[in-house]
Amino acid sequence: MNLLGRSVPDLILMDINLKGEINGIETAKMIKKRIHIPVIYLTSHSDDETLARAKETYPEGFITKPFNDNDLKVAIELALASNMIR
């Protein structure tokens, strides 16, 4: 979280399953409390519970693994475009 204060990215690609004590959804919640940055989740988990928890962070995208390059490109372009409007 300290790096976020020094350099703010245009977009975050977040895996829902992260090593450590908190997962990607919790990490996204903490980031979005500080600053609005579009988040796209990349995950192999698309069960109803995971999707419901992810929706609480209002992500700009949710891509399930395995994904193809075009799906990722489209999601990134749309998230960046919608963020420019805000």
PDB file of N, CA and C in Angstrom:
ATOM      1  N   MET A   1       0.814  -1.192   0.000  1.00  0.00           N
ATOM      2  CA  MET A   1       0.000   0.000   0.000  1.00  0.00           C
ATOM      3  C   MET A   1       0.860   1.260   0.000  1.00  0.00           C
ATOM      4  N   ASN A   2       2.067   1.205   0.514  1.00  0.00           N
ATOM      5  CA  ASN A   2       2.922   2.378   0.500  1.00  0.00           C
ATOM      6  C   ASN A   2       3.321   2.782  -0.912  1.00  0.00           C
ATOM      7  N   LEU A   3       3.500   1.827  -1.803  1.00  0.00           N
ATOM      8  CA  LEU A   3       3.860   2.139  -3.182  1.00  0.00           C
ATOM      9  C   LEU A   3       2.766   2.944  -3.863  1.00  0.00           C
ATOM     10  N   LEU A   4       1.525   2.719  -3.497  1.00  0.00           N
ATOM     11  CA  LEU A   4       0.412   3.410  -4.115  1.00  0.00           C
ATOM     12  C   LEU A   4       0.507   4.909  -3.901  1.00  0.00           C
ATOM     13  N   GLY A   5       1.033   5.330  -2.783  1.00  0.00           N
ATOM     14  CA  GLY A   5       1.173   6.752  -2.505  1.00  0.00           C
ATOM     15  C   GLY A   5       2.213   7.440  -3.377  1.00  0.00           C
ATOM     16  N   ARG A   6       3.217   6.716  -3.829  1.00  0.00           N
ATOM     17  CA  ARG A   6       4.291   7.299  -4.633  1.00  0.00           C
ATOM     18  C   ARG A   6       3.990   7.293  -6.119  1.00  0.00           C
ATOM     19  N   SER A   7       3.312   6.292  -6.589  1.00  0.00           N
ATOM     20  CA  SER A   7       3.031   6.151  -8.009  1.00  0.00           C
ATOM     21  C   SER A   7       1.638   5.575  -8.168  1.00  0.00           C
ATOM     22  N   VAL A   8       0.776   6.315  -8.815  1.00  0.00           N
ATOM     23  CA  VAL A   8      -0.604   5.867  -8.964  1.00  0.00           C
ATOM     24  C   VAL A   8      -0.790   5.282 -10.369  1.00  0.00           C
ATOM     25  N   PRO A   9      -1.121   4.002 -10.452  1.00  0.00           N
ATOM     26  CA  PRO A   9      -1.327   3.381 -11.765  1.00  0.00           C
ATOM     27  C   PRO A   9      -2.648   3.828 -12.382  1.00  0.00           C
ATOM     28  N   ASP A  10      -2.771   3.639 -13.681  1.00  0.00           N
ATOM     29  CA  ASP A  10      -4.018   3.949 -14.381  1.00  0.00           C
ATOM     30  C   ASP A  10      -5.044   2.839 -14.210  1.00  0.00           C
ATOM     31  N   LEU A  11      -4.564   1.637 -13.894  1.00  0.00           N
ATOM     32  CA  LEU A  11      -5.419   0.458 -13.847  1.00  0.00           C
ATOM     33  C   LEU A  11      -4.744  -0.607 -12.994  1.00  0.00           C
ATOM     34  N   ILE A  12      -5.562  -1.403 -12.321  1.00  0.00           N
ATOM     35  CA  ILE A  12      -5.030  -2.525 -11.551  1.00  0.00           C
ATOM     36  C   ILE A  12      -5.638  -3.816 -12.072  1.00  0.00           C
ATOM     37  N   LEU A  13      -4.776  -4.755 -12.451  1.00  0.00           N
ATOM     38  CA  LEU A  13      -5.202  -6.119 -12.758  1.00  0.00           C
ATOM     39  C   LEU A  13      -4.957  -6.921 -11.491  1.00  0.00           C
ATOM     40  N   MET A  14      -6.018  -7.447 -10.903  1.00  0.00           N
ATOM     41  CA  MET A  14      -5.910  -8.069  -9.587  1.00  0.00           C
ATOM     42  C   MET A  14      -6.377  -9.515  -9.629  1.00  0.00           C
ATOM     43  N   ASP A  15      -5.501 -10.411  -9.209  1.00  0.00           N
ATOM     44  CA  ASP A  15      -5.913 -11.796  -9.027  1.00  0.00           C
ATOM     45  C   ASP A  15      -6.667 -11.868  -7.704  1.00  0.00           C
ATOM     46  N   ILE A  16      -7.752 -12.584  -7.667  1.00  0.00           N
ATOM     47  CA  ILE A  16      -8.531 -12.681  -6.431  1.00  0.00           C
ATOM     48  C   ILE A  16      -7.785 -13.492  -5.378  1.00  0.00           C
ATOM     49  N   ASN A  17      -7.074 -14.526  -5.791  1.00  0.00           N
ATOM     50  CA  ASN A  17      -6.309 -15.330  -4.842  1.00  0.00           C
ATOM     51  C   ASN A  17      -4.876 -14.819  -4.782  1.00  0.00           C
ATOM     52  N   LEU A  18      -4.538 -14.187  -3.673  1.00  0.00           N
ATOM     53  CA  LEU A  18      -3.185 -13.687  -3.456  1.00  0.00           C
ATOM     54  C   LEU A  18      -2.548 -14.464  -2.323  1.00  0.00           C
ATOM     55  N   LYS A  19      -1.251 -14.625  -2.388  1.00  0.00           N
ATOM     56  CA  LYS A  19      -0.545 -15.239  -1.262  1.00  0.00           C
ATOM     57  C   LYS A  19      -0.518 -14.231  -0.131  1.00  0.00           C
ATOM     58  N   GLY A  20      -0.646 -14.718   1.064  1.00  0.00           N
ATOM     59  CA  GLY A  20      -0.618 -13.824   2.210  1.00  0.00           C
ATOM     60  C   GLY A  20      -1.928 -13.832   2.960  1.00  0.00           C
ATOM     61  N   GLU A  21      -2.068 -12.849   3.835  1.00  0.00           N
ATOM     62  CA  GLU A  21      -3.202 -12.824   4.745  1.00  0.00           C
ATOM     63  C   GLU A  21      -4.496 -12.302   4.128  1.00  0.00           C
ATOM     64  N   ILE A  22      -4.387 -11.443   3.104  1.00  0.00           N
ATOM     65  CA  ILE A  22      -5.606 -10.904   2.503  1.00  0.00           C
ATOM     66  C   ILE A  22      -5.687 -11.290   1.031  1.00  0.00           C
ATOM     67  N   ASN A  23      -6.895 -11.335   0.514  1.00  0.00           N
ATOM     68  CA  ASN A  23      -7.083 -11.715  -0.885  1.00  0.00           C
ATOM     69  C   ASN A  23      -7.189 -10.469  -1.764  1.00  0.00           C
ATOM     70  N   GLY A  24      -7.341 -10.676  -3.047  1.00  0.00           N
ATOM     71  CA  GLY A  24      -7.404  -9.570  -3.990  1.00  0.00           C
ATOM     72  C   GLY A  24      -8.604  -8.673  -3.790  1.00  0.00           C
ATOM     73  N   ILE A  25      -9.719  -9.235  -3.372  1.00  0.00           N
ATOM     74  CA  ILE A  25     -10.914  -8.427  -3.137  1.00  0.00           C
ATOM     75  C   ILE A  25     -10.688  -7.478  -1.975  1.00  0.00           C
ATOM     76  N   GLU A  26     -10.126  -7.987  -0.891  1.00  0.00           N
ATOM     77  CA  GLU A  26      -9.832  -7.125   0.266  1.00  0.00           C
ATOM     78  C   GLU A  26      -8.797  -6.061  -0.093  1.00  0.00           C
ATOM     79  N   THR A  27      -7.812  -6.444  -0.892  1.00  0.00           N
ATOM     80  CA  THR A  27      -6.801  -5.483  -1.333  1.00  0.00           C
ATOM     81  C   THR A  27      -7.447  -4.384  -2.164  1.00  0.00           C
ATOM     82  N   ALA A  28      -8.326  -4.753  -3.078  1.00  0.00           N
ATOM     83  CA  ALA A  28      -9.019  -3.763  -3.902  1.00  0.00           C
ATOM     84  C   ALA A  28      -9.869  -2.826  -3.045  1.00  0.00           C
ATOM     85  N   LYS A  29     -10.521  -3.355  -2.024  1.00  0.00           N
ATOM     86  CA  LYS A  29     -11.312  -2.510  -1.118  1.00  0.00           C
ATOM     87  C   LYS A  29     -10.431  -1.469  -0.449  1.00  0.00           C
ATOM     88  N   MET A  30      -9.262  -1.888   0.023  1.00  0.00           N
ATOM     89  CA  MET A  30      -8.349  -0.959   0.694  1.00  0.00           C
ATOM     90  C   MET A  30      -7.855   0.113  -0.276  1.00  0.00           C
ATOM     91  N   ILE A  31      -7.530  -0.280  -1.490  1.00  0.00           N
ATOM     92  CA  ILE A  31      -7.054   0.675  -2.486  1.00  0.00           C
ATOM     93  C   ILE A  31      -8.143   1.681  -2.826  1.00  0.00           C
ATOM     94  N   LYS A  32      -9.355   1.186  -3.053  1.00  0.00           N
ATOM     95  CA  LYS A  32     -10.450   2.066  -3.463  1.00  0.00           C
ATOM     96  C   LYS A  32     -10.893   3.012  -2.346  1.00  0.00           C
ATOM     97  N   LYS A  33     -10.574   2.698  -1.103  1.00  0.00           N
ATOM     98  CA  LYS A  33     -10.856   3.629  -0.012  1.00  0.00           C
ATOM     99  C   LYS A  33      -9.948   4.857  -0.117  1.00  0.00           C
ATOM    100  N   ARG A  34      -8.762   4.673  -0.668  1.00  0.00           N
ATOM    101  CA  ARG A  34      -7.787   5.760  -0.769  1.00  0.00           C
ATOM    102  C   ARG A  34      -7.921   6.554  -2.051  1.00  0.00           C
ATOM    103  N   ILE A  35      -8.172   5.882  -3.165  1.00  0.00           N
ATOM    104  CA  ILE A  35      -8.195   6.546  -4.467  1.00  0.00           C
ATOM    105  C   ILE A  35      -8.978   5.695  -5.452  1.00  0.00           C
ATOM    106  N   HIS A  36      -9.634   6.360  -6.398  1.00  0.00           N
ATOM    107  CA  HIS A  36     -10.365   5.584  -7.407  1.00  0.00           C
ATOM    108  C   HIS A  36      -9.406   5.144  -8.505  1.00  0.00           C
ATOM    109  N   ILE A  37      -9.230   3.872  -8.619  1.00  0.00           N
ATOM    110  CA  ILE A  37      -8.433   3.267  -9.687  1.00  0.00           C
ATOM    111  C   ILE A  37      -9.264   2.118 -10.242  1.00  0.00           C
ATOM    112  N   PRO A  38      -9.422   2.042 -11.551  1.00  0.00           N
ATOM    113  CA  PRO A  38     -10.178   0.926 -12.105  1.00  0.00           C
ATOM    114  C   PRO A  38      -9.495  -0.411 -11.789  1.00  0.00           C
ATOM    115  N   VAL A  39     -10.309  -1.380 -11.400  1.00  0.00           N
ATOM    116  CA  VAL A  39      -9.811  -2.712 -11.081  1.00  0.00           C
ATOM    117  C   VAL A  39     -10.474  -3.726 -12.010  1.00  0.00           C
ATOM    118  N   ILE A  40      -9.651  -4.579 -12.571  1.00  0.00           N
ATOM    119  CA  ILE A  40     -10.133  -5.722 -13.337  1.00  0.00           C
ATOM    120  C   ILE A  40      -9.627  -6.961 -12.613  1.00  0.00           C
ATOM    121  N   TYR A  41     -10.545  -7.830 -12.230  1.00  0.00           N
ATOM    122  CA  TYR A  41     -10.159  -9.075 -11.578  1.00  0.00           C
ATOM    123  C   TYR A  41      -9.833 -10.142 -12.614  1.00  0.00           C
ATOM    124  N   LEU A  42      -8.757 -10.861 -12.383  1.00  0.00           N
ATOM    125  CA  LEU A  42      -8.384 -12.044 -13.151  1.00  0.00           C
ATOM    126  C   LEU A  42      -8.453 -13.205 -12.181  1.00  0.00           C
ATOM    127  N   THR A  43      -9.249 -14.202 -12.484  1.00  0.00           N
ATOM    128  CA  THR A  43      -9.414 -15.284 -11.521  1.00  0.00           C
ATOM    129  C   THR A  43      -9.871 -16.572 -12.186  1.00  0.00           C
ATOM    130  N   SER A  44      -9.592 -17.657 -11.538  1.00  0.00           N
ATOM    131  CA  SER A  44     -10.116 -18.938 -11.995  1.00  0.00           C
ATOM    132  C   SER A  44     -11.374 -19.302 -11.207  1.00  0.00           C
ATOM    133  N   HIS A  45     -11.796 -18.401 -10.317  1.00  0.00           N
ATOM    134  CA  HIS A  45     -12.966 -18.647  -9.465  1.00  0.00           C
ATOM    135  C   HIS A  45     -14.121 -17.758  -9.907  1.00  0.00           C
ATOM    136  N   SER A  46     -15.184 -18.375 -10.390  1.00  0.00           N
ATOM    137  CA  SER A  46     -16.348 -17.592 -10.807  1.00  0.00           C
ATOM    138  C   SER A  46     -17.623 -18.090 -10.135  1.00  0.00           C
ATOM    139  N   ASP A  47     -17.459 -18.689  -8.968  1.00  0.00           N
ATOM    140  CA  ASP A  47     -18.630 -19.167  -8.229  1.00  0.00           C
ATOM    141  C   ASP A  47     -19.432 -17.964  -7.721  1.00  0.00           C
ATOM    142  N   ASP A  48     -20.671 -18.191  -7.358  1.00  0.00           N
ATOM    143  CA  ASP A  48     -21.573 -17.113  -6.948  1.00  0.00           C
ATOM    144  C   ASP A  48     -21.042 -16.328  -5.754  1.00  0.00           C
ATOM    145  N   GLU A  49     -20.453 -17.004  -4.778  1.00  0.00           N
ATOM    146  CA  GLU A  49     -19.938 -16.324  -3.584  1.00  0.00           C
ATOM    147  C   GLU A  49     -18.783 -15.387  -3.941  1.00  0.00           C
ATOM    148  N   THR A  50     -17.854 -15.862  -4.753  1.00  0.00           N
ATOM    149  CA  THR A  50     -16.718 -15.029  -5.162  1.00  0.00           C
ATOM    150  C   THR A  50     -17.202 -13.836  -5.975  1.00  0.00           C
ATOM    151  N   LEU A  51     -18.110 -14.074  -6.893  1.00  0.00           N
ATOM    152  CA  LEU A  51     -18.644 -12.997  -7.709  1.00  0.00           C
ATOM    153  C   LEU A  51     -19.371 -11.955  -6.854  1.00  0.00           C
ATOM    154  N   ALA A  52     -20.132 -12.403  -5.882  1.00  0.00           N
ATOM    155  CA  ALA A  52     -20.848 -11.471  -4.998  1.00  0.00           C
ATOM    156  C   ALA A  52     -19.863 -10.609  -4.203  1.00  0.00           C
ATOM    157  N   ARG A  53     -18.805 -11.220  -3.696  1.00  0.00           N
ATOM    158  CA  ARG A  53     -17.803 -10.446  -2.944  1.00  0.00           C
ATOM    159  C   ARG A  53     -17.077  -9.464  -3.858  1.00  0.00           C
ATOM    160  N   ALA A  54     -16.766  -9.885  -5.069  1.00  0.00           N
ATOM    161  CA  ALA A  54     -16.071  -9.011  -6.014  1.00  0.00           C
ATOM    162  C   ALA A  54     -16.948  -7.820  -6.405  1.00  0.00           C
ATOM    163  N   LYS A  55     -18.239  -8.049  -6.585  1.00  0.00           N
ATOM    164  CA  LYS A  55     -19.140  -6.969  -6.981  1.00  0.00           C
ATOM    165  C   LYS A  55     -19.198  -5.860  -5.944  1.00  0.00           C
ATOM    166  N   GLU A  56     -18.907  -6.166  -4.688  1.00  0.00           N
ATOM    167  CA  GLU A  56     -18.912  -5.153  -3.629  1.00  0.00           C
ATOM    168  C   GLU A  56     -17.866  -4.062  -3.868  1.00  0.00           C
ATOM    169  N   THR A  57     -16.867  -4.341  -4.695  1.00  0.00           N
ATOM    170  CA  THR A  57     -15.808  -3.357  -4.964  1.00  0.00           C
ATOM    171  C   THR A  57     -16.039  -2.616  -6.280  1.00  0.00           C
ATOM    172  N   TYR A  58     -17.131  -2.908  -6.963  1.00  0.00           N
ATOM    173  CA  TYR A  58     -17.476  -2.261  -8.228  1.00  0.00           C
ATOM    174  C   TYR A  58     -16.321  -2.318  -9.229  1.00  0.00           C
ATOM    175  N   PRO A  59     -15.888  -3.527  -9.573  1.00  0.00           N
ATOM    176  CA  PRO A  59     -14.774  -3.646 -10.522  1.00  0.00           C
ATOM    177  C   PRO A  59     -15.198  -3.230 -11.926  1.00  0.00           C
ATOM    178  N   GLU A  60     -14.236  -2.805 -12.708  1.00  0.00           N
ATOM    179  CA  GLU A  60     -14.507  -2.460 -14.096  1.00  0.00           C
ATOM    180  C   GLU A  60     -14.479  -3.679 -14.997  1.00  0.00           C
ATOM    181  N   GLY A  61     -14.036  -4.814 -14.466  1.00  0.00           N
ATOM    182  CA  GLY A  61     -14.023  -6.034 -15.245  1.00  0.00           C
ATOM    183  C   GLY A  61     -13.778  -7.253 -14.375  1.00  0.00           C
ATOM    184  N   PHE A  62     -14.156  -8.412 -14.921  1.00  0.00           N
ATOM    185  CA  PHE A  62     -13.987  -9.688 -14.215  1.00  0.00           C
ATOM    186  C   PHE A  62     -13.719 -10.722 -15.298  1.00  0.00           C
ATOM    187  N   ILE A  63     -12.502 -11.177 -15.387  1.00  0.00           N
ATOM    188  CA  ILE A  63     -12.100 -12.113 -16.430  1.00  0.00           C
ATOM    189  C   ILE A  63     -11.701 -13.426 -15.780  1.00  0.00           C
ATOM    190  N   THR A  64     -12.268 -14.512 -16.294  1.00  0.00           N
ATOM    191  CA  THR A  64     -11.920 -15.817 -15.743  1.00  0.00           C
ATOM    192  C   THR A  64     -10.775 -16.441 -16.530  1.00  0.00           C
ATOM    193  N   LYS A  65      -9.925 -17.131 -15.781  1.00  0.00           N
ATOM    194  CA  LYS A  65      -8.793 -17.846 -16.370  1.00  0.00           C
ATOM    195  C   LYS A  65      -9.266 -19.212 -16.846  1.00  0.00           C
ATOM    196  N   PRO A  66      -8.735 -19.736 -17.886  1.00  0.00           N
ATOM    197  CA  PRO A  66      -7.774 -19.092 -18.772  1.00  0.00           C
ATOM    198  C   PRO A  66      -8.491 -18.069 -19.650  1.00  0.00           C
ATOM    199  N   PHE A  67      -7.799 -17.009 -19.990  1.00  0.00           N
ATOM    200  CA  PHE A  67      -8.374 -15.979 -20.832  1.00  0.00           C
ATOM    201  C   PHE A  67      -7.502 -15.806 -22.069  1.00  0.00           C
ATOM    202  N   ASN A  68      -8.068 -15.165 -23.087  1.00  0.00           N
ATOM    203  CA  ASN A  68      -7.257 -14.912 -24.274  1.00  0.00           C
ATOM    204  C   ASN A  68      -6.840 -13.443 -24.298  1.00  0.00           C
ATOM    205  N   ASP A  69      -5.839 -13.143 -25.081  1.00  0.00           N
ATOM    206  CA  ASP A  69      -5.277 -11.794 -25.131  1.00  0.00           C
ATOM    207  C   ASP A  69      -6.309 -10.753 -25.534  1.00  0.00           C
ATOM    208  N   ASN A  70      -7.191 -11.109 -26.459  1.00  0.00           N
ATOM    209  CA  ASN A  70      -8.184 -10.141 -26.918  1.00  0.00           C
ATOM    210  C   ASN A  70      -9.170  -9.787 -25.808  1.00  0.00           C
ATOM    211  N   ASP A  71      -9.609 -10.774 -25.035  1.00  0.00           N
ATOM    212  CA  ASP A  71     -10.527 -10.487 -23.919  1.00  0.00           C
ATOM    213  C   ASP A  71      -9.885  -9.519 -22.933  1.00  0.00           C
ATOM    214  N   LEU A  72      -8.623  -9.742 -22.627  1.00  0.00           N
ATOM    215  CA  LEU A  72      -7.911  -8.868 -21.706  1.00  0.00           C
ATOM    216  C   LEU A  72      -7.760  -7.464 -22.297  1.00  0.00           C
ATOM    217  N   LYS A  73      -7.395  -7.382 -23.557  1.00  0.00           N
ATOM    218  CA  LYS A  73      -7.222  -6.089 -24.237  1.00  0.00           C
ATOM    219  C   LYS A  73      -8.522  -5.294 -24.207  1.00  0.00           C
ATOM    220  N   VAL A  74      -9.632  -5.931 -24.538  1.00  0.00           N
ATOM    221  CA  VAL A  74     -10.927  -5.250 -24.559  1.00  0.00           C
ATOM    222  C   VAL A  74     -11.289  -4.763 -23.155  1.00  0.00           C
ATOM    223  N   ALA A  75     -11.119  -5.599 -22.153  1.00  0.00           N
ATOM    224  CA  ALA A  75     -11.448  -5.211 -20.776  1.00  0.00           C
ATOM    225  C   ALA A  75     -10.617  -4.018 -20.319  1.00  0.00           C
ATOM    226  N   ILE A  76      -9.328  -4.030 -20.635  1.00  0.00           N
ATOM    227  CA  ILE A  76      -8.448  -2.923 -20.248  1.00  0.00           C
ATOM    228  C   ILE A  76      -8.857  -1.640 -20.954  1.00  0.00           C
ATOM    229  N   GLU A  77      -9.080  -1.717 -22.263  1.00  0.00           N
ATOM    230  CA  GLU A  77      -9.454  -0.523 -23.014  1.00  0.00           C
ATOM    231  C   GLU A  77     -10.772   0.074 -22.520  1.00  0.00           C
ATOM    232  N   LEU A  78     -11.755  -0.763 -22.234  1.00  0.00           N
ATOM    233  CA  LEU A  78     -13.035  -0.272 -21.739  1.00  0.00           C
ATOM    234  C   LEU A  78     -12.902   0.352 -20.345  1.00  0.00           C
ATOM    235  N   ALA A  79     -12.123  -0.297 -19.474  1.00  0.00           N
ATOM    236  CA  ALA A  79     -11.941   0.240 -18.122  1.00  0.00           C
ATOM    237  C   ALA A  79     -11.235   1.580 -18.163  1.00  0.00           C
ATOM    238  N   LEU A  80     -10.212   1.706 -18.984  1.00  0.00           N
ATOM    239  CA  LEU A  80      -9.495   2.983 -19.082  1.00  0.00           C
ATOM    240  C   LEU A  80     -10.370   4.065 -19.700  1.00  0.00           C
ATOM    241  N   ALA A  81     -11.158   3.704 -20.693  1.00  0.00           N
ATOM    242  CA  ALA A  81     -12.044   4.683 -21.325  1.00  0.00           C
ATOM    243  C   ALA A  81     -13.117   5.166 -20.352  1.00  0.00           C
ATOM    244  N   SER A  82     -13.704   4.253 -19.585  1.00  0.00           N
ATOM    245  CA  SER A  82     -14.746   4.660 -18.635  1.00  0.00           C
ATOM    246  C   SER A  82     -14.164   5.484 -17.504  1.00  0.00           C
ATOM    247  N   ASN A  83     -12.913   5.232 -17.154  1.00  0.00           N
ATOM    248  CA  ASN A  83     -12.272   6.014 -16.093  1.00  0.00           C
ATOM    249  C   ASN A  83     -11.983   7.445 -16.557  1.00  0.00           C
ATOM    250  N   MET A  84     -11.729   7.637 -17.841  1.00  0.00           N
ATOM    251  CA  MET A  84     -11.457   8.980 -18.367  1.00  0.00           C
ATOM    252  C   MET A  84     -12.706   9.855 -18.302  1.00  0.00           C
ATOM    253  N   ILE A  85     -13.881   9.249 -18.365  1.00  0.00           N
ATOM    254  CA  ILE A  85     -15.133   9.993 -18.328  1.00  0.00           C
ATOM    255  C   ILE A  85     -15.399  10.540 -16.936  1.00  0.00           C
ATOM    256  N   ARG A  86     -14.933   9.860 -15.917  1.00  0.00           N
ATOM    257  CA  ARG A  86     -15.218  10.253 -14.520  1.00  0.00           C
ATOM    258  C   ARG A  86     -14.533  11.510 -14.141  1.00  0.00           C
TER     259      ARG A  86
END
